[in-house]
Every structure is written in structure tokens, then in C-alpha cells.
């Protein structure tokens, strides 16, 4: 009888050890509805519906700074005010890999508008500028000036060169992996 009781107890304990853990594989950035000039990170599924079963603390990296965000019903608030429009590179690592998203958060008056930036645009814009400069030789200097302005705009708004390339490589990696 003791062996059966011990086996049942051992089975129950092992079943709870293998319980389904909640992980964040996709997320979006939204304006925090409860605080001005702050953002919220929202855990979503592939159809961008909020995963309300996500609760607890999860480690995120935002523009190179580490944050332990407290998720409640799929939403966590970043308690850092944005003073101006800027790029936000948000990254989260879990058991299934590293997930990252690049946003440009446009600030107008008291409203924040996050715009998701695809890695394809980061590649396409400089290539189009260089191609136009190559195609029309007399516009080569203008194309170089536009490319320098593009790089300056990105850097001035918080998108450094290493983050620029990291975002492109993460996008390539995720598009090739599926």
C-alpha cells in the first residue's frame, strides 16, 4: 500500500513539474492608456490578439537597457517617459529563441504613435538610394547626401549602427527560420 501511495504522490509531483509554462513569442508596443508619454508591451498571438494568460515578470531589453517587466493579463507597462520621437528596439529571449521588434514611436503633443519598422525597409531604403545614384550618375552627389541624412536621422532618433544591423540580422534569421 505504501508503494502505491508513494507512486501516486510521485506521479502528482512530476505532473506539476511539467506544467505548461507561459512564454512570450510575439509582442507589440502600444501607448500606455493610463500614463502620458509611456508605452506598454503587449504579449500577442500571431493574429495580434492579446494573450491574457501571460502573467508574471519577464526580462526584456529596450534600446540596450534591461527591464524586468511585470505582465498582468498580457500587458506590461514601461515606466519610462518618452521626451521625443525615437526608435525603440525591443528584444525578449526565452526557451524558443530571441524575439525582437523595431518600432519608431512618433510623439505628437500628448499622444504616442508606435510604428513597426520591418527589417526589409531598413535594407530597401539605402539600397534604393544607392541604386538611384548609380542609375542617374548626375544625381550621385544628391543620393550620397540623402543617404547621409537617412543615417543621421536614424542615429539622432536613437537607432545606432549596431542596432540597425542587429535588427536586420534578426529579421533575416526569423524569416529564414520560418
N, C-alpha and C. Protein backbone atom coordinates (compact mmCIF):
# COMPACT_ATOMS: atom_id res chain seq x y z
N UNK A 1 0.81 -1.19 0.00
CA UNK A 1 0.00 0.00 0.00
C UNK A 1 0.87 1.27 0.00
N UNK A 2 1.98 1.22 0.75
CA UNK A 2 2.87 2.37 0.82
C UNK A 2 3.51 2.64 -0.55
N UNK A 3 3.81 1.57 -1.27
CA UNK A 3 4.43 1.74 -2.58
C UNK A 3 3.45 2.40 -3.55
N UNK A 4 2.19 2.02 -3.49
CA UNK A 4 1.18 2.60 -4.38
C UNK A 4 0.98 4.07 -4.03
N UNK A 5 0.88 4.39 -2.74
CA UNK A 5 0.72 5.78 -2.30
C UNK A 5 1.93 6.62 -2.71
N UNK A 6 3.12 6.04 -2.54
CA UNK A 6 4.34 6.74 -2.93
C UNK A 6 4.37 6.97 -4.45
N UNK A 7 3.97 5.98 -5.24
CA UNK A 7 3.95 6.11 -6.70
C UNK A 7 2.95 7.17 -7.15
N UNK A 8 1.76 7.22 -6.52
CA UNK A 8 0.76 8.23 -6.87
C UNK A 8 1.27 9.62 -6.50
N UNK A 9 1.87 9.75 -5.33
CA UNK A 9 2.42 11.04 -4.91
C UNK A 9 3.54 11.48 -5.84
N UNK A 10 4.41 10.56 -6.22
CA UNK A 10 5.50 10.88 -7.13
C UNK A 10 4.95 11.29 -8.50
N UNK A 11 3.91 10.62 -8.98
CA UNK A 11 3.29 10.98 -10.25
C UNK A 11 2.68 12.37 -10.20
N UNK A 12 2.00 12.72 -9.12
CA UNK A 12 1.39 14.04 -8.98
C UNK A 12 2.45 15.14 -8.95
N UNK A 13 3.53 14.89 -8.25
CA UNK A 13 4.60 15.89 -8.18
C UNK A 13 5.28 16.06 -9.54
N UNK A 14 5.49 14.97 -10.26
CA UNK A 14 6.12 15.10 -11.57
C UNK A 14 5.19 15.75 -12.58
N UNK A 15 3.89 15.57 -12.44
CA UNK A 15 2.93 16.20 -13.35
C UNK A 15 2.93 17.71 -13.17
N UNK A 16 3.07 18.19 -11.94
CA UNK A 16 3.12 19.64 -11.73
C UNK A 16 4.45 20.22 -12.18
N UNK A 17 5.51 19.41 -12.16
CA UNK A 17 6.82 19.90 -12.60
C UNK A 17 6.84 20.13 -14.11
N UNK A 18 6.04 19.39 -14.85
CA UNK A 18 5.99 19.54 -16.29
C UNK A 18 4.78 20.34 -16.74
N UNK A 19 4.30 21.20 -15.90
CA UNK A 19 3.14 22.02 -16.25
C UNK A 19 3.50 22.95 -17.40
N UNK A 20 2.52 23.32 -18.16
CA UNK A 20 2.73 24.18 -19.31
C UNK A 20 3.13 25.58 -18.85
N UNK A 21 4.32 26.00 -19.28
CA UNK A 21 4.79 27.33 -18.90
C UNK A 21 4.35 28.33 -19.97
N UNK A 22 4.13 29.53 -19.55
CA UNK A 22 3.71 30.60 -20.46
C UNK A 22 4.97 31.30 -20.96
N UNK A 23 5.06 31.45 -22.27
CA UNK A 23 6.19 32.17 -22.84
C UNK A 23 5.67 33.20 -23.84
N UNK A 24 6.47 34.22 -24.02
CA UNK A 24 6.12 35.30 -24.95
C UNK A 24 6.96 35.12 -26.20
N UNK A 25 6.30 34.79 -27.30
CA UNK A 25 7.00 34.62 -28.57
C UNK A 25 6.71 35.76 -29.54
N UNK A 26 5.72 36.57 -29.25
CA UNK A 26 5.35 37.69 -30.11
C UNK A 26 4.79 38.79 -29.22
N UNK A 27 5.15 40.03 -29.53
CA UNK A 27 4.66 41.15 -28.74
C UNK A 27 4.59 42.39 -29.61
N UNK A 28 3.80 43.34 -29.16
CA UNK A 28 3.69 44.62 -29.85
C UNK A 28 3.84 45.74 -28.82
N UNK A 29 4.08 46.94 -29.33
CA UNK A 29 4.21 48.12 -28.49
C UNK A 29 2.98 48.99 -28.71
N UNK A 30 2.40 49.47 -27.62
CA UNK A 30 1.26 50.37 -27.70
C UNK A 30 1.48 51.53 -26.74
N UNK A 31 0.68 52.56 -26.93
CA UNK A 31 0.71 53.68 -25.99
C UNK A 31 0.06 53.23 -24.68
N UNK A 32 0.65 53.61 -23.57
CA UNK A 32 0.09 53.28 -22.26
C UNK A 32 -1.18 54.12 -22.06
N UNK A 33 -2.34 53.48 -21.92
CA UNK A 33 -3.57 54.26 -21.78
C UNK A 33 -3.73 54.92 -20.41
N UNK A 34 -2.91 54.51 -19.43
CA UNK A 34 -3.06 55.02 -18.07
C UNK A 34 -2.04 56.08 -17.70
N UNK A 35 -1.00 56.24 -18.51
CA UNK A 35 0.04 57.23 -18.20
C UNK A 35 0.43 57.94 -19.49
N UNK A 36 0.70 59.21 -19.37
CA UNK A 36 1.08 60.01 -20.53
C UNK A 36 2.55 59.78 -20.85
N UNK A 37 2.85 59.74 -22.13
CA UNK A 37 4.21 59.63 -22.65
C UNK A 37 4.92 58.35 -22.24
N UNK A 38 4.17 57.29 -21.98
CA UNK A 38 4.75 55.99 -21.65
C UNK A 38 4.18 54.94 -22.59
N UNK A 39 4.92 53.84 -22.73
CA UNK A 39 4.47 52.78 -23.61
C UNK A 39 4.12 51.53 -22.82
N UNK A 40 3.43 50.62 -23.49
CA UNK A 40 3.09 49.33 -22.92
C UNK A 40 3.54 48.24 -23.89
N UNK A 41 4.04 47.14 -23.34
CA UNK A 41 4.40 45.98 -24.13
C UNK A 41 3.26 44.97 -23.97
N UNK A 42 2.71 44.51 -25.09
CA UNK A 42 1.55 43.62 -25.06
C UNK A 42 1.93 42.29 -25.70
N UNK A 43 1.77 41.20 -24.95
CA UNK A 43 2.02 39.86 -25.47
C UNK A 43 0.85 39.47 -26.37
N UNK A 44 1.17 39.04 -27.60
CA UNK A 44 0.12 38.73 -28.57
C UNK A 44 0.38 37.37 -29.22
N UNK A 45 -0.66 36.89 -29.89
CA UNK A 45 -0.50 35.71 -30.73
C UNK A 45 -0.20 36.17 -32.15
N UNK A 46 -0.21 35.25 -33.11
CA UNK A 46 0.14 35.62 -34.48
C UNK A 46 -0.89 36.52 -35.14
N UNK A 47 -2.12 36.56 -34.60
CA UNK A 47 -3.16 37.44 -35.15
C UNK A 47 -3.24 38.76 -34.38
N UNK A 48 -2.25 39.05 -33.56
CA UNK A 48 -2.17 40.27 -32.75
C UNK A 48 -3.31 40.40 -31.73
N UNK A 49 -3.82 39.28 -31.26
CA UNK A 49 -4.77 39.28 -30.14
C UNK A 49 -4.00 39.15 -28.84
N UNK A 50 -4.43 39.87 -27.83
CA UNK A 50 -3.73 39.87 -26.54
C UNK A 50 -3.82 38.49 -25.89
N UNK A 51 -2.68 38.00 -25.41
CA UNK A 51 -2.65 36.74 -24.65
C UNK A 51 -2.87 37.08 -23.19
N UNK A 52 -4.09 36.96 -22.73
CA UNK A 52 -4.42 37.37 -21.37
C UNK A 52 -3.94 36.40 -20.31
N UNK A 53 -3.43 35.23 -20.70
CA UNK A 53 -2.92 34.27 -19.73
C UNK A 53 -1.46 34.54 -19.36
N UNK A 54 -0.86 35.57 -19.93
CA UNK A 54 0.53 35.92 -19.62
C UNK A 54 0.55 36.80 -18.38
N UNK A 55 1.08 36.25 -17.31
CA UNK A 55 1.20 36.97 -16.04
C UNK A 55 2.57 36.66 -15.45
N UNK A 56 3.17 37.63 -14.80
CA UNK A 56 4.48 37.43 -14.17
C UNK A 56 5.51 38.38 -14.70
N UNK A 57 6.76 38.14 -14.26
CA UNK A 57 7.87 39.00 -14.65
C UNK A 57 8.66 38.34 -15.78
N UNK A 58 8.93 39.14 -16.82
CA UNK A 58 9.68 38.67 -17.97
C UNK A 58 10.78 39.69 -18.27
N UNK A 59 11.94 39.17 -18.67
CA UNK A 59 13.09 40.03 -18.96
C UNK A 59 13.02 40.51 -20.40
N UNK A 60 13.14 41.82 -20.57
CA UNK A 60 13.16 42.46 -21.88
C UNK A 60 14.35 43.39 -21.96
N UNK A 61 14.82 43.63 -23.17
CA UNK A 61 15.85 44.62 -23.41
C UNK A 61 15.26 45.67 -24.34
N UNK A 62 15.28 46.92 -23.89
CA UNK A 62 14.74 48.02 -24.69
C UNK A 62 15.88 49.01 -24.92
N UNK A 63 16.28 49.16 -26.19
CA UNK A 63 17.39 50.04 -26.58
C UNK A 63 18.65 49.77 -25.78
N UNK A 64 18.92 48.50 -25.51
CA UNK A 64 20.14 48.12 -24.81
C UNK A 64 20.04 48.11 -23.29
N UNK A 65 18.93 48.56 -22.71
CA UNK A 65 18.75 48.56 -21.27
C UNK A 65 17.85 47.40 -20.86
N UNK A 66 18.22 46.70 -19.79
CA UNK A 66 17.45 45.54 -19.33
C UNK A 66 16.32 45.98 -18.41
N UNK A 67 15.16 45.38 -18.63
CA UNK A 67 13.98 45.65 -17.81
C UNK A 67 13.34 44.32 -17.43
N UNK A 68 12.88 44.20 -16.20
CA UNK A 68 12.04 43.09 -15.79
C UNK A 68 10.61 43.62 -15.77
N UNK A 69 9.87 43.31 -16.83
CA UNK A 69 8.52 43.84 -16.97
C UNK A 69 7.51 42.93 -16.29
N UNK A 70 6.61 43.53 -15.54
CA UNK A 70 5.58 42.79 -14.83
C UNK A 70 4.32 42.73 -15.69
N UNK A 71 4.03 41.56 -16.24
CA UNK A 71 2.87 41.38 -17.10
C UNK A 71 1.66 40.99 -16.26
N UNK A 72 0.55 41.64 -16.53
CA UNK A 72 -0.73 41.30 -15.93
C UNK A 72 -1.74 41.26 -17.05
N UNK A 73 -2.35 40.12 -17.24
CA UNK A 73 -3.33 39.90 -18.30
C UNK A 73 -2.75 40.23 -19.68
N UNK A 74 -1.49 39.91 -19.88
CA UNK A 74 -0.87 40.08 -21.18
C UNK A 74 -0.26 41.44 -21.46
N UNK A 75 -0.31 42.36 -20.51
CA UNK A 75 0.19 43.72 -20.73
C UNK A 75 1.16 44.12 -19.62
N UNK A 76 2.26 44.75 -20.02
CA UNK A 76 3.24 45.29 -19.07
C UNK A 76 3.51 46.73 -19.45
N UNK A 77 3.71 47.55 -18.44
CA UNK A 77 3.93 48.98 -18.66
C UNK A 77 5.40 49.32 -18.39
N UNK A 78 5.99 50.06 -19.32
CA UNK A 78 7.37 50.52 -19.17
C UNK A 78 7.30 51.88 -18.51
N UNK A 79 7.83 52.00 -17.34
CA UNK A 79 7.74 53.24 -16.55
C UNK A 79 8.88 54.19 -16.90
N UNK A 80 8.96 54.54 -18.16
CA UNK A 80 9.96 55.48 -18.62
C UNK A 80 9.29 56.41 -19.62
N UNK A 81 9.31 57.69 -19.32
CA UNK A 81 8.65 58.66 -20.18
C UNK A 81 9.50 58.95 -21.41
N UNK A 82 8.83 59.09 -22.55
CA UNK A 82 9.50 59.47 -23.79
C UNK A 82 9.39 60.98 -23.96
N UNK A 83 10.53 61.62 -24.12
CA UNK A 83 10.56 63.07 -24.27
C UNK A 83 10.39 63.51 -25.72
N UNK A 84 10.77 62.64 -26.66
CA UNK A 84 10.69 62.99 -28.08
C UNK A 84 10.48 61.72 -28.88
N UNK A 85 10.18 61.88 -30.15
CA UNK A 85 10.05 60.73 -31.05
C UNK A 85 11.38 60.00 -31.12
N UNK A 86 11.33 58.67 -31.11
CA UNK A 86 12.57 57.91 -31.17
C UNK A 86 12.31 56.47 -31.60
N UNK A 87 13.39 55.80 -31.96
CA UNK A 87 13.32 54.38 -32.27
C UNK A 87 13.37 53.59 -30.97
N UNK A 88 12.66 52.47 -30.95
CA UNK A 88 12.70 51.56 -29.80
C UNK A 88 12.95 50.16 -30.33
N UNK A 89 14.08 49.59 -29.93
CA UNK A 89 14.41 48.21 -30.30
C UNK A 89 14.15 47.36 -29.08
N UNK A 90 13.10 46.55 -29.14
CA UNK A 90 12.64 45.76 -28.00
C UNK A 90 12.97 44.30 -28.29
N UNK A 91 13.64 43.65 -27.32
CA UNK A 91 14.08 42.27 -27.50
C UNK A 91 13.72 41.45 -26.26
N UNK A 92 13.29 40.20 -26.51
CA UNK A 92 12.96 39.27 -25.43
C UNK A 92 13.53 37.90 -25.78
N UNK A 93 14.22 37.28 -24.84
CA UNK A 93 14.77 35.95 -25.06
C UNK A 93 14.08 34.97 -24.13
N UNK A 94 13.69 33.81 -24.68
CA UNK A 94 13.11 32.73 -23.88
C UNK A 94 13.61 31.40 -24.41
N UNK A 95 12.97 30.30 -24.01
CA UNK A 95 13.42 28.97 -24.40
C UNK A 95 13.37 28.75 -25.91
N UNK A 96 12.42 29.38 -26.58
CA UNK A 96 12.26 29.16 -28.02
C UNK A 96 13.12 30.09 -28.86
N UNK A 97 13.89 30.96 -28.25
CA UNK A 97 14.78 31.84 -29.00
C UNK A 97 14.64 33.29 -28.61
N UNK A 98 15.24 34.15 -29.42
CA UNK A 98 15.21 35.59 -29.19
C UNK A 98 14.20 36.21 -30.14
N UNK A 99 13.34 37.05 -29.58
CA UNK A 99 12.31 37.72 -30.35
C UNK A 99 12.54 39.22 -30.22
N UNK A 100 12.60 39.91 -31.36
CA UNK A 100 12.88 41.34 -31.32
C UNK A 100 12.03 42.07 -32.33
N UNK A 101 11.74 43.33 -32.01
CA UNK A 101 10.91 44.18 -32.86
C UNK A 101 11.50 45.59 -32.80
N UNK A 102 11.52 46.26 -33.96
CA UNK A 102 11.96 47.64 -34.03
C UNK A 102 10.75 48.52 -34.30
N UNK A 103 10.59 49.54 -33.47
CA UNK A 103 9.48 50.49 -33.62
C UNK A 103 10.03 51.90 -33.71
N UNK A 104 9.32 52.75 -34.42
CA UNK A 104 9.55 54.18 -34.35
C UNK A 104 8.35 54.76 -33.62
N UNK A 105 8.58 55.32 -32.45
CA UNK A 105 7.50 55.88 -31.64
C UNK A 105 7.45 57.38 -31.94
N UNK A 106 6.39 57.78 -32.64
CA UNK A 106 6.20 59.18 -33.02
C UNK A 106 5.42 59.89 -31.92
N UNK A 107 5.99 60.96 -31.41
CA UNK A 107 5.35 61.72 -30.34
C UNK A 107 4.79 63.02 -30.91
N UNK A 108 3.49 63.20 -30.74
CA UNK A 108 2.86 64.45 -31.15
C UNK A 108 1.99 64.93 -29.99
N UNK A 109 2.29 66.11 -29.49
CA UNK A 109 1.61 66.68 -28.32
C UNK A 109 1.66 65.68 -27.17
N UNK A 110 0.53 65.12 -26.80
CA UNK A 110 0.49 64.16 -25.70
C UNK A 110 0.21 62.74 -26.16
N UNK A 111 0.32 62.49 -27.45
CA UNK A 111 0.00 61.18 -27.99
C UNK A 111 1.24 60.51 -28.55
N UNK A 112 1.37 59.20 -28.28
CA UNK A 112 2.45 58.40 -28.83
C UNK A 112 1.87 57.46 -29.88
N UNK A 113 2.51 57.40 -31.04
CA UNK A 113 2.07 56.52 -32.11
C UNK A 113 3.21 55.58 -32.48
N UNK A 114 3.16 54.32 -32.02
CA UNK A 114 4.22 53.38 -32.40
C UNK A 114 4.01 52.86 -33.82
N UNK A 115 5.08 52.88 -34.61
CA UNK A 115 5.05 52.40 -35.99
C UNK A 115 6.09 51.29 -36.09
N UNK A 116 5.64 50.09 -36.44
CA UNK A 116 6.56 48.95 -36.55
C UNK A 116 7.39 49.11 -37.81
N UNK A 117 8.70 48.94 -37.67
CA UNK A 117 9.63 49.06 -38.78
C UNK A 117 10.13 47.66 -39.15
N UNK A 118 9.86 47.26 -40.36
CA UNK A 118 10.31 45.96 -40.83
C UNK A 118 11.78 46.02 -41.21
N UNK A 119 12.47 44.92 -41.04
CA UNK A 119 13.89 44.87 -41.41
C UNK A 119 14.04 45.06 -42.92
N UNK A 120 13.01 44.73 -43.67
CA UNK A 120 13.09 44.89 -45.13
C UNK A 120 13.21 46.36 -45.52
N UNK A 121 12.52 47.26 -44.78
CA UNK A 121 12.63 48.69 -45.07
C UNK A 121 14.03 49.20 -44.74
N UNK A 122 14.63 48.64 -43.69
CA UNK A 122 15.98 49.07 -43.33
C UNK A 122 16.99 48.71 -44.40
N UNK A 123 16.72 47.66 -45.14
CA UNK A 123 17.59 47.26 -46.25
C UNK A 123 17.20 48.00 -47.53
N UNK A 124 15.89 48.09 -47.78
CA UNK A 124 15.40 48.62 -49.05
C UNK A 124 15.71 50.10 -49.25
N UNK A 125 15.54 50.92 -48.23
CA UNK A 125 15.71 52.37 -48.39
C UNK A 125 17.15 52.73 -48.79
N UNK A 126 18.18 52.26 -48.07
CA UNK A 126 19.54 52.60 -48.52
C UNK A 126 19.89 52.01 -49.89
N UNK A 127 19.38 50.79 -50.17
CA UNK A 127 19.66 50.20 -51.48
C UNK A 127 19.01 50.99 -52.61
N UNK A 128 17.79 51.46 -52.39
CA UNK A 128 17.11 52.27 -53.41
C UNK A 128 17.83 53.60 -53.64
N UNK A 129 18.30 54.20 -52.57
CA UNK A 129 19.03 55.46 -52.70
C UNK A 129 20.33 55.24 -53.49
N UNK A 130 21.04 54.17 -53.13
CA UNK A 130 22.29 53.88 -53.85
C UNK A 130 22.03 53.50 -55.31
N UNK A 131 20.96 52.74 -55.55
CA UNK A 131 20.62 52.36 -56.91
C UNK A 131 20.24 53.58 -57.75
N UNK A 132 19.48 54.50 -57.17
CA UNK A 132 19.11 55.72 -57.89
C UNK A 132 20.35 56.55 -58.21
N UNK A 133 21.28 56.63 -57.28
CA UNK A 133 22.52 57.34 -57.53
C UNK A 133 23.36 56.68 -58.61
N UNK A 134 23.36 55.36 -58.64
CA UNK A 134 24.10 54.64 -59.67
C UNK A 134 23.43 54.77 -61.03
N UNK A 135 22.09 54.72 -61.04
CA UNK A 135 21.33 54.78 -62.28
C UNK A 135 21.44 56.15 -62.95
N UNK A 136 21.35 57.19 -62.15
CA UNK A 136 21.44 58.55 -62.67
C UNK A 136 22.73 59.16 -62.14
N UNK A 137 23.77 59.08 -62.93
CA UNK A 137 25.11 59.49 -62.48
C UNK A 137 25.17 60.94 -62.02
N UNK A 138 24.36 61.80 -62.62
CA UNK A 138 24.42 63.21 -62.22
C UNK A 138 23.78 63.43 -60.85
N UNK A 139 23.00 62.46 -60.37
CA UNK A 139 22.37 62.57 -59.04
C UNK A 139 23.15 61.82 -57.97
N UNK A 140 24.36 61.41 -58.29
CA UNK A 140 25.17 60.65 -57.35
C UNK A 140 25.44 61.43 -56.06
N UNK A 141 25.76 62.71 -56.19
CA UNK A 141 26.03 63.54 -55.01
C UNK A 141 24.75 63.71 -54.20
N UNK A 142 23.62 63.92 -54.87
CA UNK A 142 22.34 64.07 -54.16
C UNK A 142 21.99 62.78 -53.44
N UNK A 143 22.22 61.64 -54.08
CA UNK A 143 21.95 60.35 -53.44
C UNK A 143 22.83 60.15 -52.21
N UNK A 144 24.09 60.56 -52.30
CA UNK A 144 25.00 60.45 -51.15
C UNK A 144 24.53 61.34 -50.00
N UNK A 145 24.08 62.55 -50.33
CA UNK A 145 23.57 63.46 -49.30
C UNK A 145 22.32 62.89 -48.65
N UNK A 146 21.41 62.34 -49.46
CA UNK A 146 20.18 61.75 -48.91
C UNK A 146 20.52 60.55 -48.01
N UNK A 147 21.49 59.74 -48.41
CA UNK A 147 21.91 58.60 -47.59
C UNK A 147 22.51 59.07 -46.27
N UNK A 148 23.29 60.12 -46.29
CA UNK A 148 23.87 60.67 -45.06
C UNK A 148 22.76 61.22 -44.16
N UNK A 149 21.77 61.89 -44.75
CA UNK A 149 20.64 62.40 -43.97
C UNK A 149 19.86 61.25 -43.35
N UNK A 150 19.65 60.16 -44.10
CA UNK A 150 18.97 58.97 -43.60
C UNK A 150 19.71 58.39 -42.39
N UNK A 151 21.01 58.26 -42.50
CA UNK A 151 21.82 57.71 -41.40
C UNK A 151 21.78 58.66 -40.20
N UNK A 152 21.89 59.96 -40.44
CA UNK A 152 21.84 60.93 -39.35
C UNK A 152 20.48 60.91 -38.65
N UNK A 153 19.39 60.85 -39.41
CA UNK A 153 18.05 60.79 -38.82
C UNK A 153 17.91 59.56 -37.92
N UNK A 154 18.37 58.43 -38.42
CA UNK A 154 18.29 57.20 -37.61
C UNK A 154 19.11 57.33 -36.34
N UNK A 155 20.34 57.81 -36.46
CA UNK A 155 21.20 57.93 -35.29
C UNK A 155 20.68 58.97 -34.30
N UNK A 156 20.21 60.08 -34.80
CA UNK A 156 19.71 61.16 -33.94
C UNK A 156 18.47 60.73 -33.16
N UNK A 157 17.68 59.81 -33.72
CA UNK A 157 16.47 59.34 -33.06
C UNK A 157 16.65 58.02 -32.32
N UNK A 158 17.88 57.64 -32.05
CA UNK A 158 18.13 56.50 -31.18
C UNK A 158 18.41 55.18 -31.86
N UNK A 159 18.58 55.17 -33.17
CA UNK A 159 18.90 53.93 -33.88
C UNK A 159 20.38 53.95 -34.26
N UNK A 160 21.20 53.33 -33.43
CA UNK A 160 22.63 53.31 -33.70
C UNK A 160 22.94 52.30 -34.80
N UNK A 161 24.12 52.38 -35.33
CA UNK A 161 24.54 51.49 -36.42
C UNK A 161 24.52 50.02 -35.97
N UNK A 162 25.04 49.67 -34.78
CA UNK A 162 24.95 48.26 -34.36
C UNK A 162 23.49 47.78 -34.22
N UNK A 163 22.62 48.61 -33.69
CA UNK A 163 21.21 48.23 -33.56
C UNK A 163 20.56 48.10 -34.93
N UNK A 164 20.94 48.96 -35.86
CA UNK A 164 20.45 48.90 -37.23
C UNK A 164 20.76 47.52 -37.83
N UNK A 165 22.02 47.11 -37.75
CA UNK A 165 22.40 45.82 -38.32
C UNK A 165 21.85 44.64 -37.52
N UNK A 166 21.77 44.77 -36.20
CA UNK A 166 21.20 43.69 -35.39
C UNK A 166 19.74 43.47 -35.75
N UNK A 167 19.00 44.53 -35.98
CA UNK A 167 17.60 44.42 -36.37
C UNK A 167 17.47 43.73 -37.73
N UNK A 168 18.34 44.07 -38.66
CA UNK A 168 18.32 43.42 -39.98
C UNK A 168 18.66 41.94 -39.85
N UNK A 169 19.70 41.59 -39.10
CA UNK A 169 20.09 40.19 -38.96
C UNK A 169 19.03 39.38 -38.23
N UNK A 170 18.40 39.95 -37.19
CA UNK A 170 17.31 39.24 -36.51
C UNK A 170 16.14 39.01 -37.43
N UNK A 171 15.81 40.01 -38.25
CA UNK A 171 14.73 39.84 -39.21
C UNK A 171 15.03 38.78 -40.23
N UNK A 172 16.25 38.77 -40.75
CA UNK A 172 16.67 37.74 -41.71
C UNK A 172 16.61 36.35 -41.08
N UNK A 173 17.11 36.25 -39.86
CA UNK A 173 17.14 34.96 -39.17
C UNK A 173 15.73 34.41 -38.97
N UNK A 174 14.81 35.27 -38.53
CA UNK A 174 13.44 34.81 -38.29
C UNK A 174 12.69 34.53 -39.59
N UNK A 175 12.99 35.25 -40.66
CA UNK A 175 12.31 34.97 -41.92
C UNK A 175 12.84 33.69 -42.55
N UNK A 176 14.10 33.37 -42.36
CA UNK A 176 14.65 32.13 -42.90
C UNK A 176 14.27 30.91 -42.07
N UNK A 177 14.09 31.12 -40.75
CA UNK A 177 13.73 30.01 -39.86
C UNK A 177 12.25 29.66 -39.95
N UNK A 178 11.46 30.56 -40.44
CA UNK A 178 10.03 30.24 -40.57
C UNK A 178 9.25 31.25 -39.92
